[in-house]
């Protein structure tokens, strides 16, 4: 049974988490988002929504989406990702499609369940994914790598040197492993420093190694894909992760300069691990 007092994310919710356009009023947008989500979970559009009691909690935010958790009958939970008011039209639909395609090839990608568009406001979108109870989001707080932890209260904890090395290399490895050799497509606009990767709660109870991360780490955002040869993709990925991006270069992986560059050994190890993951997938008959 789920406890109502469980801390799932950011405890305070307000218009300051909304990204709005000049012609949009934050409070009105927030009310409209609540209308959309409440109408959706009260409907019968998905069997997962069936239940006597339902509650929605805000847990996090990003430039593209606001993140909520839907709890049904205090025993089932799902994540709702609704587009920010200022978000590009159909960005939710595109990300849902990207995640669906990637998750079909790798268990290291969150598998989205449903996508919906608001019939009253066509720019309002949401997609639903499984919820991983109190998962940790990886990122950079100021200039240090670490993770945001929901409980006992929402806080940030800096990685130890061992954690940083294994976790950063694991994120790189997953990106490398997801490159589609047939279509020559790689993931772009990825915020490794801003919560695009999560680790399941409880990973701390196991040996800190790549096998642990491979089993418990997931990519939870896939905003865009870029087409280029694999060799060039690896070169550009390494350059950007090391913070060596020329001003006149188009950012194809991160979308912006990383807040805290990775170390070269972390990136090199990640690339090697990613290549091994690709070979492992091929041996299982999974096309990457």
Protein backbone atom coordinates (compact mmCIF):
# COMPACT_ATOMS: atom_id res chain seq x y z
CA UNK A 1 0.00 0.00 0.00
CA UNK A 2 1.28 3.45 -0.94
CA UNK A 3 1.51 6.02 1.85
CA UNK A 4 0.05 9.43 1.06
CA UNK A 5 2.85 11.13 2.99
CA UNK A 6 5.58 9.53 0.87
CA UNK A 7 7.88 12.15 -0.64
CA UNK A 8 7.95 11.70 -4.43
CA UNK A 9 9.61 14.90 -5.60
CA UNK A 10 9.61 18.68 -5.29
CA UNK A 11 7.24 19.48 -2.40
CA UNK A 12 6.10 22.98 -3.37
CA UNK A 13 4.23 23.69 -6.59
CA UNK A 14 3.60 27.06 -8.21
CA UNK A 15 3.59 29.10 -11.39
CA UNK A 16 7.37 29.63 -11.06
CA UNK A 17 7.87 26.16 -12.57
CA UNK A 18 5.96 27.06 -15.73
CA UNK A 19 7.63 28.13 -18.99
CA UNK A 20 5.25 30.62 -20.61
CA UNK A 21 5.09 32.80 -23.70
CA UNK A 22 4.61 36.60 -23.40
CA UNK A 23 0.89 36.27 -24.19
CA UNK A 24 0.32 33.54 -21.59
CA UNK A 25 -0.67 34.09 -17.95
CA UNK A 26 1.00 31.59 -15.62
CA UNK A 27 -1.91 31.10 -13.21
CA UNK A 28 -4.40 30.59 -16.04
CA UNK A 29 -2.08 28.10 -17.72
CA UNK A 30 -1.68 26.18 -14.47
CA UNK A 31 -5.46 26.00 -14.00
CA UNK A 32 -5.85 24.76 -17.57
CA UNK A 33 -3.22 22.06 -17.07
CA UNK A 34 -5.07 20.87 -13.96
CA UNK A 35 -8.35 20.83 -15.91
CA UNK A 36 -6.77 18.75 -18.67
CA UNK A 37 -5.14 16.22 -16.34
CA UNK A 38 -8.15 15.84 -14.05
CA UNK A 39 -10.51 15.30 -16.98
CA UNK A 40 -8.12 12.79 -18.48
CA UNK A 41 -7.69 10.60 -15.38
CA UNK A 42 -11.44 10.66 -14.74
CA UNK A 43 -12.09 9.33 -18.23
CA UNK A 44 -11.97 5.72 -19.36
CA UNK A 45 -9.39 6.21 -22.09
CA UNK A 46 -6.95 3.81 -20.42
CA UNK A 47 -7.63 0.74 -18.23
CA UNK A 48 -4.86 1.85 -15.87
CA UNK A 49 -7.04 4.80 -14.84
CA UNK A 50 -9.84 2.54 -13.56
CA UNK A 51 -10.22 2.90 -9.81
CA UNK A 52 -12.26 4.39 -6.99
CA UNK A 53 -9.74 6.98 -5.83
CA UNK A 54 -7.22 8.98 -7.85
CA UNK A 55 -4.83 11.76 -6.96
CA UNK A 56 -2.27 13.71 -8.95
CA UNK A 57 0.93 15.14 -7.45
CA UNK A 58 3.45 17.46 -9.06
CA UNK A 59 6.99 16.05 -8.63
CA UNK A 60 9.34 17.80 -11.08
CA UNK A 61 9.74 20.06 -14.09
CA UNK A 62 11.88 20.81 -17.12
CA UNK A 63 11.96 23.25 -20.02
CA UNK A 64 9.79 20.90 -22.07
CA UNK A 65 7.46 19.24 -19.57
CA UNK A 66 5.97 19.28 -16.10
CA UNK A 67 6.05 15.93 -14.31
CA UNK A 68 3.24 14.51 -12.17
CA UNK A 69 2.46 11.19 -10.53
CA UNK A 70 -1.00 9.65 -10.72
CA UNK A 71 -1.86 7.35 -7.82
CA UNK A 72 -4.85 5.03 -8.27
CA UNK A 73 -6.50 3.36 -5.24
CA UNK A 74 -3.26 3.89 -3.27
CA UNK A 75 -1.66 0.84 -4.94
CA UNK A 76 -0.82 1.82 -8.54
CA UNK A 77 1.20 4.77 -9.82
CA UNK A 78 1.97 6.26 -13.24
CA UNK A 79 3.99 9.24 -14.44
CA UNK A 80 2.22 11.99 -16.40
CA UNK A 81 4.41 14.30 -18.49
CA UNK A 82 2.49 17.32 -19.73
CA UNK A 83 3.99 19.87 -22.10
CA UNK A 84 5.01 23.27 -20.80
CA UNK A 85 2.79 26.15 -22.04
CA UNK A 86 5.68 27.57 -24.08
CA UNK A 87 6.74 24.22 -25.54
CA UNK A 88 7.00 23.68 -29.28
CA UNK A 89 3.82 22.22 -30.80
CA UNK A 90 3.75 18.40 -31.01
CA UNK A 91 6.99 18.05 -29.04
CA UNK A 92 5.23 15.62 -26.69
CA UNK A 93 4.06 13.47 -29.59
CA UNK A 94 7.57 13.41 -31.07
CA UNK A 95 9.18 12.45 -27.78
CA UNK A 96 6.58 9.75 -27.15
CA UNK A 97 7.34 8.27 -30.59
CA UNK A 98 11.11 8.43 -30.01
CA UNK A 99 10.85 6.75 -26.62
CA UNK A 100 8.50 4.09 -27.97
CA UNK A 101 10.92 3.23 -30.75
CA UNK A 102 14.00 3.24 -28.53
CA UNK A 103 12.41 1.27 -25.69
CA UNK A 104 11.46 -1.48 -28.15
CA UNK A 105 15.18 -2.03 -28.66
CA UNK A 106 16.52 -1.46 -25.16
CA UNK A 107 15.35 -1.95 -21.59
CA UNK A 108 17.50 1.07 -20.68
CA UNK A 109 14.84 3.38 -22.12
CA UNK A 110 11.56 4.19 -20.37
CA UNK A 111 8.65 2.61 -22.24
CA UNK A 112 5.81 5.15 -22.65
CA UNK A 113 2.30 3.76 -22.45
CA UNK A 114 -0.11 6.35 -23.89
CA UNK A 115 -0.14 9.74 -25.58
CA UNK A 116 -3.05 12.20 -25.44
CA UNK A 117 -3.75 15.66 -26.82
CA UNK A 118 -6.19 18.03 -25.12
CA UNK A 119 -9.29 18.32 -27.30
CA UNK A 120 -9.94 21.82 -25.90
CA UNK A 121 -6.37 23.07 -26.27
CA UNK A 122 -4.52 21.33 -29.11
CA UNK A 123 -1.13 22.57 -27.92
CA UNK A 124 -1.56 20.75 -24.59
CA UNK A 125 -0.11 17.22 -24.68
CA UNK A 126 0.65 14.48 -22.17
CA UNK A 127 2.18 11.06 -22.33
CA UNK A 128 2.03 8.42 -19.61
CA UNK A 129 4.86 6.15 -18.50
CA UNK A 130 5.36 3.65 -15.68
CA UNK A 131 6.38 5.32 -12.43
CA UNK A 132 9.55 4.13 -10.71
CA UNK A 133 9.07 4.74 -7.00
CA UNK A 134 11.41 7.42 -5.67
CA UNK A 135 13.90 6.99 -8.51
CA UNK A 136 17.00 9.19 -8.50
CA UNK A 137 17.60 11.67 -11.33
CA UNK A 138 21.21 12.24 -12.39
CA UNK A 139 22.50 15.73 -13.06
CA UNK A 140 24.68 18.67 -12.15
CA UNK A 141 23.88 21.05 -9.31
CA UNK A 142 26.02 24.12 -9.94
CA UNK A 143 29.36 22.48 -10.81
CA UNK A 144 29.12 19.02 -9.22
CA UNK A 145 27.76 15.74 -10.57
CA UNK A 146 25.25 14.00 -8.36
CA UNK A 147 21.58 13.03 -8.10
CA UNK A 148 18.29 14.39 -6.86
CA UNK A 149 16.72 12.11 -4.26
CA UNK A 150 13.00 12.42 -3.31
CA UNK A 151 13.12 11.04 0.23
CA UNK A 152 12.94 11.68 3.13
CA UNK A 153 12.69 15.14 1.60
CA UNK A 154 13.65 16.25 -1.89
CA UNK A 155 17.39 17.00 -1.95
CA UNK A 156 20.56 16.81 -4.01
CA UNK A 157 23.50 14.58 -3.14
CA UNK A 158 26.92 14.88 -4.75
CA UNK A 159 28.43 11.67 -6.12
CA UNK A 160 31.49 10.11 -4.58
CA UNK A 161 34.40 9.76 -7.03
CA UNK A 162 33.57 6.07 -7.59
CA UNK A 163 29.89 6.83 -8.17
CA UNK A 164 30.65 9.62 -10.59
CA UNK A 165 33.00 7.48 -12.67
CA UNK A 166 30.63 4.51 -12.99
CA UNK A 167 27.42 6.50 -13.43
CA UNK A 168 28.77 9.02 -15.94
CA UNK A 169 30.37 6.27 -18.02
CA UNK A 170 27.10 4.32 -17.90
CA UNK A 171 25.10 7.26 -19.31
CA UNK A 172 27.57 7.61 -22.18
CA UNK A 173 27.42 3.85 -22.79
CA UNK A 174 23.64 3.87 -23.09
CA UNK A 175 23.70 6.74 -25.58
CA UNK A 176 26.31 4.94 -27.68
CA UNK A 177 24.41 1.64 -27.54
CA UNK A 178 21.22 3.32 -28.79
CA UNK A 179 22.76 4.59 -32.03
CA UNK A 180 20.77 3.11 -34.93
CA UNK A 181 23.33 1.84 -37.45
CA UNK A 182 20.73 0.98 -40.08
CA UNK A 183 19.16 4.44 -40.14
CA UNK A 184 22.35 6.24 -39.02
CA UNK A 185 20.47 7.95 -36.19
CA UNK A 186 21.73 8.99 -32.77
CA UNK A 187 20.00 10.64 -29.82
CA UNK A 188 20.41 14.42 -29.69
CA UNK A 189 19.41 17.28 -27.35
CA UNK A 190 20.14 15.04 -24.39
CA UNK A 191 20.54 16.64 -20.95
CA UNK A 192 22.89 14.29 -19.14
CA UNK A 193 23.47 17.12 -16.66
CA UNK A 194 19.78 17.87 -16.24
CA UNK A 195 17.85 14.75 -15.28
CA UNK A 196 17.40 12.86 -18.57
CA UNK A 197 18.75 9.72 -16.91
CA UNK A 198 17.34 8.12 -13.77
CA UNK A 199 18.49 5.27 -11.56
CA UNK A 200 16.03 3.04 -9.74
CA UNK A 201 15.90 3.37 -5.98
CA UNK A 202 17.89 0.61 -4.29
CA UNK A 203 20.85 0.59 -6.66
CA UNK A 204 22.92 1.62 -3.64
CA UNK A 205 22.31 -1.83 -2.09
CA UNK A 206 24.30 -3.58 -4.81
CA UNK A 207 27.91 -3.53 -5.94
CA UNK A 208 28.64 -0.25 -7.69
CA UNK A 209 29.57 -1.42 -11.18
CA UNK A 210 28.42 -1.15 -14.77
CA UNK A 211 26.28 -4.31 -14.52
CA UNK A 212 24.31 -2.69 -11.70
CA UNK A 213 23.82 0.48 -13.76
CA UNK A 214 22.88 -1.47 -16.89
CA UNK A 215 20.10 -3.16 -14.95
CA UNK A 216 18.79 -0.08 -13.10
CA UNK A 217 19.53 3.02 -15.21
CA UNK A 218 17.03 4.39 -17.73
CA UNK A 219 16.95 7.18 -20.28
CA UNK A 220 13.70 9.06 -19.64
CA UNK A 221 13.82 11.73 -22.36
CA UNK A 222 14.35 11.56 -26.14
CA UNK A 223 13.60 14.99 -27.57
CA UNK A 224 15.24 14.51 -30.92
CA UNK A 225 17.40 12.34 -33.18
CA UNK A 226 20.24 13.34 -35.49
CA UNK A 227 21.42 11.58 -38.65
CA UNK A 228 25.16 11.09 -39.17
CA UNK A 229 27.78 8.35 -39.45
CA UNK A 230 28.55 6.47 -36.26
CA UNK A 231 32.21 7.56 -36.19
CA UNK A 232 31.24 11.23 -36.45
CA UNK A 233 28.51 10.76 -33.83
CA UNK A 234 31.07 9.36 -31.37
CA UNK A 235 33.51 12.18 -32.11
CA UNK A 236 30.89 14.87 -31.63
CA UNK A 237 29.50 13.19 -28.52
CA UNK A 238 32.94 13.05 -26.91
CA UNK A 239 33.75 16.64 -27.84
CA UNK A 240 30.52 17.99 -26.35
CA UNK A 241 30.73 15.94 -23.16
CA UNK A 242 34.24 17.28 -22.57
CA UNK A 243 32.87 20.82 -22.95
CA UNK A 244 34.92 21.50 -26.07
CA UNK A 245 32.22 22.94 -28.30
CA UNK A 246 33.10 25.66 -30.80
CA UNK A 247 30.82 28.70 -30.74
CA UNK A 248 29.91 28.33 -34.40
CA UNK A 249 29.17 24.61 -34.11
CA UNK A 250 25.63 23.30 -34.00
CA UNK A 251 24.99 21.45 -30.75
CA UNK A 252 23.70 18.06 -31.81
CA UNK A 253 23.92 15.98 -28.66
CA UNK A 254 23.42 18.22 -25.67
CA UNK A 255 21.54 21.12 -27.24
CA UNK A 256 23.61 23.41 -24.99
CA UNK A 257 27.00 23.45 -23.32
CA UNK A 258 27.22 20.95 -20.48
CA UNK A 259 27.25 22.58 -17.03
CA UNK A 260 30.09 20.40 -15.76
CA UNK A 261 32.22 18.65 -18.40
CA UNK A 262 32.90 14.96 -17.94
CA UNK A 263 36.44 13.65 -17.57
CA UNK A 264 38.06 12.09 -20.62
CA UNK A 265 38.42 8.72 -18.90
CA UNK A 266 34.67 8.69 -18.13
CA UNK A 267 33.77 9.36 -21.75
CA UNK A 268 36.30 6.88 -23.18
CA UNK A 269 35.15 4.17 -20.78
CA UNK A 270 31.53 4.91 -21.65
CA UNK A 271 32.18 4.60 -25.38
CA UNK A 272 33.92 1.24 -24.88
CA UNK A 273 31.08 -0.03 -22.69
CA UNK A 274 28.52 1.22 -25.21
CA UNK A 275 30.21 -0.67 -28.04
CA UNK A 276 30.11 -3.82 -25.91
CA UNK A 277 26.41 -3.25 -25.24
CA UNK A 278 25.79 -2.98 -28.98
CA UNK A 279 27.59 -6.25 -29.61
CA UNK A 280 25.65 -7.92 -26.81
CA UNK A 281 22.37 -6.75 -28.34
CA UNK A 282 23.40 -8.04 -31.78
CA UNK A 283 24.19 -11.46 -30.29
CA UNK A 284 20.64 -11.53 -28.94
CA UNK A 285 19.24 -10.65 -32.35
CA UNK A 286 18.27 -7.08 -31.45
CA UNK A 287 18.86 -4.68 -34.32
CA UNK A 288 20.68 -1.49 -33.29
